[in-house]
Amino acid sequence: MGVSVRVIPCLDVTDGRVVKGVNFENLQDAGDPVELAERYSAEGADELMFLDISASIEGRETTRDVVTRCAQNLAIPLSVGGGVRSVDDVDKLLRVGADKVGINTGALARPGVIDEIVRSFGTQVLVLSLDARRDERMPSGFGVTTHGGRKDAGVDAVAWAREAARRGVGEILLNSMDADGTTDGFDIEMLRAVRRRVTVPLIASGGAGTVEHFVEAVRAGADAVLAASVFHYGKLRVGDVKEGLRAAGINVR
């Protein structure tokens, strides 16, 4: 039997509130991060992802006080990202309760920071947060974006995933910016393209709307499935997703 698939709710946070939009635009308030964190933990989530989506845009560190309040009430692992640029940033987040730390814009600006973080804390701590769009200019057909999807990095997404894995990231959070918030399904083609080139655990993100979407993502190679709006607005519960995965013959925690 293979490794159990994880179901991970995501809290996109700005100004101390959870927000959600479509393709990272027209953001709407979705609730208090601490209350949602507690709810998802009680519902049986395997992990929680906390992303400070405006930290890189505003050139600041992740809002650590909200992370601290979330971590104090969680019995499940907490991954935190947003504005991470250095070993010191990772150290600060681990000290306030993060179990893993995600990096995106900071790693693209200086890829060597991945090596530094891995040397200091190990591969299990570091998650590459990869926001990608379809881009026919790129060899793989997918390009990387930064700053909450607002900037084109001019980098091939599959090649970047390979490089980050080679440098030692423990897993990759692959978010489709085209599908994000649409509830039309994960970008299966993108998942398969990255899965073919990396062996590290892959978290599928962006587009979940039905239980079947989660099943499709796992069958395309995802080791974990992440969603936000379908959980925040009550369309699905964590238990619904786990039951659907089990019914499809997929091993879940």
Protein backbone atom coordinates (compact mmCIF):
# COMPACT_ATOMS: atom_id res chain seq x y z
CA MET A 1 0.00 0.00 0.00
CA GLY A 2 1.36 3.42 -0.96
CA VAL A 3 1.73 6.55 1.12
CA SER A 4 -1.60 7.94 2.29
CA VAL A 5 -2.92 10.96 0.39
CA ARG A 6 -3.26 14.12 2.50
CA VAL A 7 -6.18 16.53 2.37
CA ILE A 8 -5.06 20.11 3.08
CA PRO A 9 -7.29 23.19 3.48
CA CYS A 10 -5.56 26.45 2.54
CA LEU A 11 -5.88 29.81 4.27
CA ASP A 12 -4.95 32.68 1.94
CA VAL A 13 -4.47 35.53 4.42
CA THR A 14 -4.16 39.29 3.98
CA ASP A 15 -4.57 41.96 6.65
CA GLY A 16 -5.26 39.25 9.21
CA ARG A 17 -8.29 37.80 7.38
CA VAL A 18 -8.77 34.78 5.14
CA VAL A 19 -9.70 35.85 1.60
CA LYS A 20 -10.58 34.07 -1.61
CA GLY A 21 -11.20 35.15 -5.17
CA VAL A 22 -10.86 33.79 -8.68
CA ASN A 23 -7.36 33.77 -10.22
CA PHE A 24 -6.25 35.80 -7.14
CA GLU A 25 -8.51 38.71 -8.14
CA ASN A 26 -11.68 40.22 -6.62
CA LEU A 27 -10.76 38.88 -3.20
CA GLN A 28 -13.64 38.41 -0.76
CA ASP A 29 -13.49 37.97 3.00
CA ALA A 30 -13.82 34.28 3.95
CA GLY A 31 -13.39 34.42 7.71
CA ASP A 32 -11.05 34.50 10.66
CA PRO A 33 -7.92 32.36 10.16
CA VAL A 34 -7.81 31.05 13.72
CA GLU A 35 -11.47 30.00 13.68
CA LEU A 36 -11.10 28.31 10.29
CA ALA A 37 -7.88 26.58 11.37
CA GLU A 38 -9.63 25.12 14.40
CA ARG A 39 -12.60 24.03 12.31
CA TYR A 40 -10.51 22.23 9.74
CA SER A 41 -8.46 20.52 12.42
CA ALA A 42 -11.67 19.25 14.02
CA GLU A 43 -12.96 18.07 10.62
CA GLY A 44 -9.96 15.80 10.16
CA ALA A 45 -7.66 17.80 7.89
CA ASP A 46 -4.21 16.23 7.65
CA GLU A 47 -2.37 19.55 7.46
CA LEU A 48 -3.13 23.23 7.11
CA MET A 49 -1.53 25.63 4.64
CA PHE A 50 -1.28 29.30 5.67
CA LEU A 51 -0.25 31.68 2.87
CA ASP A 52 0.25 35.39 3.50
CA ILE A 53 -0.57 36.33 -0.07
CA SER A 54 0.35 40.00 0.15
CA ALA A 55 3.72 39.66 1.93
CA SER A 56 5.84 39.46 -1.23
CA ILE A 57 3.83 42.17 -2.97
CA GLU A 58 4.33 44.50 -0.02
CA GLY A 59 7.97 43.48 0.48
CA ARG A 60 7.50 42.37 4.09
CA GLU A 61 7.75 39.28 6.24
CA THR A 62 4.85 36.93 6.94
CA THR A 63 2.45 38.21 9.60
CA ARG A 64 3.78 36.11 12.45
CA ASP A 65 1.22 37.05 15.11
CA VAL A 66 -1.59 35.39 13.13
CA VAL A 67 0.60 32.35 12.53
CA THR A 68 1.24 32.13 16.27
CA ARG A 69 -2.46 32.23 17.10
CA CYS A 70 -3.24 29.55 14.52
CA ALA A 71 -0.43 27.27 15.68
CA GLN A 72 -1.42 27.50 19.35
CA ASN A 73 -4.74 25.82 18.65
CA LEU A 74 -3.72 23.20 16.09
CA ALA A 75 -3.06 19.51 16.56
CA ILE A 76 -2.06 19.05 12.90
CA PRO A 77 1.02 20.23 10.97
CA LEU A 78 1.00 23.86 9.83
CA SER A 79 2.79 24.99 6.67
CA VAL A 80 3.36 28.73 6.31
CA GLY A 81 4.43 30.82 3.33
CA GLY A 82 4.59 34.40 2.15
CA GLY A 83 7.55 36.77 2.03
CA VAL A 84 10.16 34.11 2.88
CA ARG A 85 13.59 35.10 1.56
CA SER A 86 16.19 33.74 3.97
CA VAL A 87 17.23 31.19 6.57
CA ASP A 88 16.35 33.77 9.21
CA ASP A 89 12.80 34.10 7.88
CA VAL A 90 12.36 30.33 8.11
CA ASP A 91 13.80 30.26 11.63
CA LYS A 92 11.35 32.93 12.79
CA LEU A 93 8.35 31.05 11.41
CA LEU A 94 9.44 27.74 12.91
CA ARG A 95 9.83 29.45 16.27
CA VAL A 96 6.23 30.72 16.25
CA GLY A 97 4.77 27.31 15.44
CA ALA A 98 5.15 26.50 11.74
CA ASP A 99 6.09 22.90 10.97
CA LYS A 100 6.97 23.60 7.34
CA VAL A 101 7.74 26.78 5.44
CA GLY A 102 6.81 27.61 1.86
CA ILE A 103 8.94 29.71 -0.45
CA ASN A 104 8.10 31.12 -3.86
CA THR A 105 9.22 34.58 -4.97
CA GLY A 106 12.29 34.56 -2.72
CA ALA A 107 13.60 31.33 -4.24
CA LEU A 108 13.15 32.54 -7.80
CA ALA A 109 15.03 35.72 -6.97
CA ARG A 110 17.89 33.74 -5.41
CA PRO A 111 17.70 29.95 -5.95
CA GLY A 112 20.67 29.36 -3.65
CA VAL A 113 18.47 30.20 -0.67
CA ILE A 114 16.89 26.75 -1.10
CA ASP A 115 20.29 25.12 -0.50
CA GLU A 116 20.89 27.33 2.54
CA ILE A 117 17.52 26.53 4.12
CA VAL A 118 17.89 22.80 3.48
CA ARG A 119 21.38 22.79 5.04
CA SER A 120 20.06 24.56 8.12
CA PHE A 121 16.76 22.74 8.68
CA GLY A 122 16.55 19.70 6.39
CA THR A 123 14.44 18.96 3.34
CA GLN A 124 11.33 18.09 5.35
CA VAL A 125 10.87 21.74 6.39
CA LEU A 126 10.84 23.36 2.95
CA VAL A 127 7.93 23.51 0.49
CA LEU A 128 8.31 25.12 -2.93
CA SER A 129 5.17 27.11 -3.62
CA LEU A 130 4.93 27.18 -7.41
CA ASP A 131 2.24 29.41 -8.95
CA ALA A 132 2.07 28.53 -12.64
CA ARG A 133 0.05 29.53 -15.70
CA ARG A 134 -0.29 28.07 -19.15
CA ASP A 135 2.31 29.80 -21.30
CA GLU A 136 2.98 28.61 -24.84
CA ARG A 137 6.30 30.47 -24.89
CA MET A 138 7.70 27.92 -22.43
CA PRO A 139 9.00 24.48 -23.49
CA SER A 140 6.63 22.69 -21.10
CA GLY A 141 3.70 24.96 -21.91
CA PHE A 142 3.63 26.31 -18.35
CA GLY A 143 5.33 29.40 -16.89
CA VAL A 144 6.02 30.56 -13.34
CA THR A 145 4.41 33.64 -11.79
CA THR A 146 5.37 35.52 -8.64
CA HIS A 147 3.96 38.15 -6.26
CA GLY A 148 0.63 36.40 -5.88
CA GLY A 149 0.38 35.65 -9.59
CA ARG A 150 0.82 39.28 -10.60
CA LYS A 151 4.23 39.00 -12.26
CA ASP A 152 5.53 36.74 -15.01
CA ALA A 153 8.85 35.26 -13.92
CA GLY A 154 9.86 34.25 -17.44
CA VAL A 155 10.75 30.77 -16.16
CA ASP A 156 9.49 27.38 -17.31
CA ALA A 157 7.42 25.83 -14.50
CA VAL A 158 8.50 22.23 -15.03
CA ALA A 159 12.18 23.16 -15.31
CA TRP A 160 11.91 25.23 -12.11
CA ALA A 161 10.22 22.36 -10.28
CA ARG A 162 13.09 20.08 -11.32
CA GLU A 163 15.74 22.55 -10.19
CA ALA A 164 14.07 23.15 -6.83
CA ALA A 165 13.75 19.40 -6.26
CA ARG A 166 17.42 18.95 -7.12
CA ARG A 167 18.34 21.65 -4.63
CA GLY A 168 16.44 19.82 -1.91
CA VAL A 169 12.90 21.10 -1.40
CA GLY A 170 10.88 18.52 0.50
CA GLU A 171 7.73 18.91 -1.55
CA ILE A 172 6.13 21.12 -4.19
CA LEU A 173 2.83 22.97 -3.86
CA LEU A 174 1.75 23.27 -7.50
CA ASN A 175 -0.94 25.90 -7.90
CA SER A 176 -2.63 26.57 -11.23
CA MET A 177 -3.25 30.30 -11.45
CA ASP A 178 -5.60 29.71 -14.39
CA ALA A 179 -7.78 27.33 -12.37
CA ASP A 180 -7.44 28.99 -8.96
CA GLY A 181 -10.82 29.73 -7.41
CA THR A 182 -12.79 28.60 -10.46
CA THR A 183 -13.98 25.27 -8.95
CA ASP A 184 -13.74 23.84 -12.49
CA GLY A 185 -11.10 21.25 -11.57
CA PHE A 186 -7.36 20.98 -11.14
CA ASP A 187 -5.07 21.45 -14.15
CA ILE A 188 -4.44 17.76 -14.73
CA GLU A 189 -2.11 18.33 -17.67
CA MET A 190 0.11 20.55 -15.51
CA LEU A 191 0.14 18.00 -12.69
CA ARG A 192 1.18 15.23 -15.03
CA ALA A 193 3.87 17.37 -16.64
CA VAL A 194 5.51 18.11 -13.28
CA ARG A 195 4.98 14.58 -11.94
CA ARG A 196 6.90 13.14 -14.87
CA ARG A 197 9.97 15.20 -13.96
CA VAL A 198 10.11 15.18 -10.15
CA THR A 199 9.91 12.51 -7.48
CA VAL A 200 9.32 14.70 -4.41
CA PRO A 201 5.77 14.82 -2.99
CA LEU A 202 3.45 16.97 -5.07
CA ILE A 203 0.52 18.96 -3.65
CA ALA A 204 -2.22 19.74 -6.19
CA SER A 205 -3.76 23.19 -5.81
CA GLY A 206 -6.14 25.41 -7.76
CA GLY A 207 -9.58 24.63 -9.11
CA ALA A 208 -11.15 22.03 -6.81
CA GLY A 209 -14.93 22.08 -6.99
CA THR A 210 -16.13 18.49 -6.59
CA VAL A 211 -14.96 15.32 -4.88
CA GLU A 212 -14.22 13.84 -8.30
CA HIS A 213 -11.74 16.65 -8.97
CA PHE A 214 -9.67 15.50 -5.99
CA VAL A 215 -9.77 11.91 -7.24
CA GLU A 216 -8.58 13.03 -10.70
CA ALA A 217 -5.67 14.96 -9.17
CA VAL A 218 -4.46 11.96 -7.19
CA ARG A 219 -4.71 9.73 -10.24
CA ALA A 220 -2.63 12.30 -12.13
CA GLY A 221 0.16 11.94 -9.56
CA ALA A 222 -0.66 14.24 -6.62
CA ASP A 223 0.45 13.03 -3.18
CA ALA A 224 -1.76 15.61 -1.47
CA VAL A 225 -4.75 17.71 -2.50
CA LEU A 226 -5.32 21.28 -1.36
CA ALA A 227 -8.38 23.49 -1.59
CA ALA A 228 -9.74 26.72 -0.17
CA SER A 229 -13.07 28.11 -1.37
CA VAL A 230 -14.97 24.81 -1.43
CA PHE A 231 -14.10 24.35 2.23
CA HIS A 232 -14.48 27.98 3.33
CA TYR A 233 -17.96 28.36 1.88
CA GLY A 234 -19.24 24.94 2.91
CA LYS A 235 -19.59 23.36 -0.53
CA LEU A 236 -17.51 20.43 0.70
CA ARG A 237 -16.14 19.29 4.03
CA VAL A 238 -12.80 17.61 4.57
CA GLY A 239 -14.62 14.38 5.42
CA ASP A 240 -16.51 14.47 2.10
CA VAL A 241 -13.23 14.55 0.20
CA LYS A 242 -11.72 11.72 2.24
CA GLU A 243 -14.81 9.56 1.80
CA GLY A 244 -14.75 10.16 -1.94
CA LEU A 245 -11.08 9.28 -2.20
CA ARG A 246 -11.62 6.08 -0.21
CA ALA A 247 -14.58 5.15 -2.41
CA ALA A 248 -12.27 5.51 -5.42
CA GLY A 249 -9.82 3.05 -3.87
CA ILE A 250 -7.32 5.68 -2.78
CA ASN A 251 -5.54 5.34 0.56
CA VAL A 252 -6.11 8.38 2.81
CA ARG A 253 -5.09 9.20 6.35
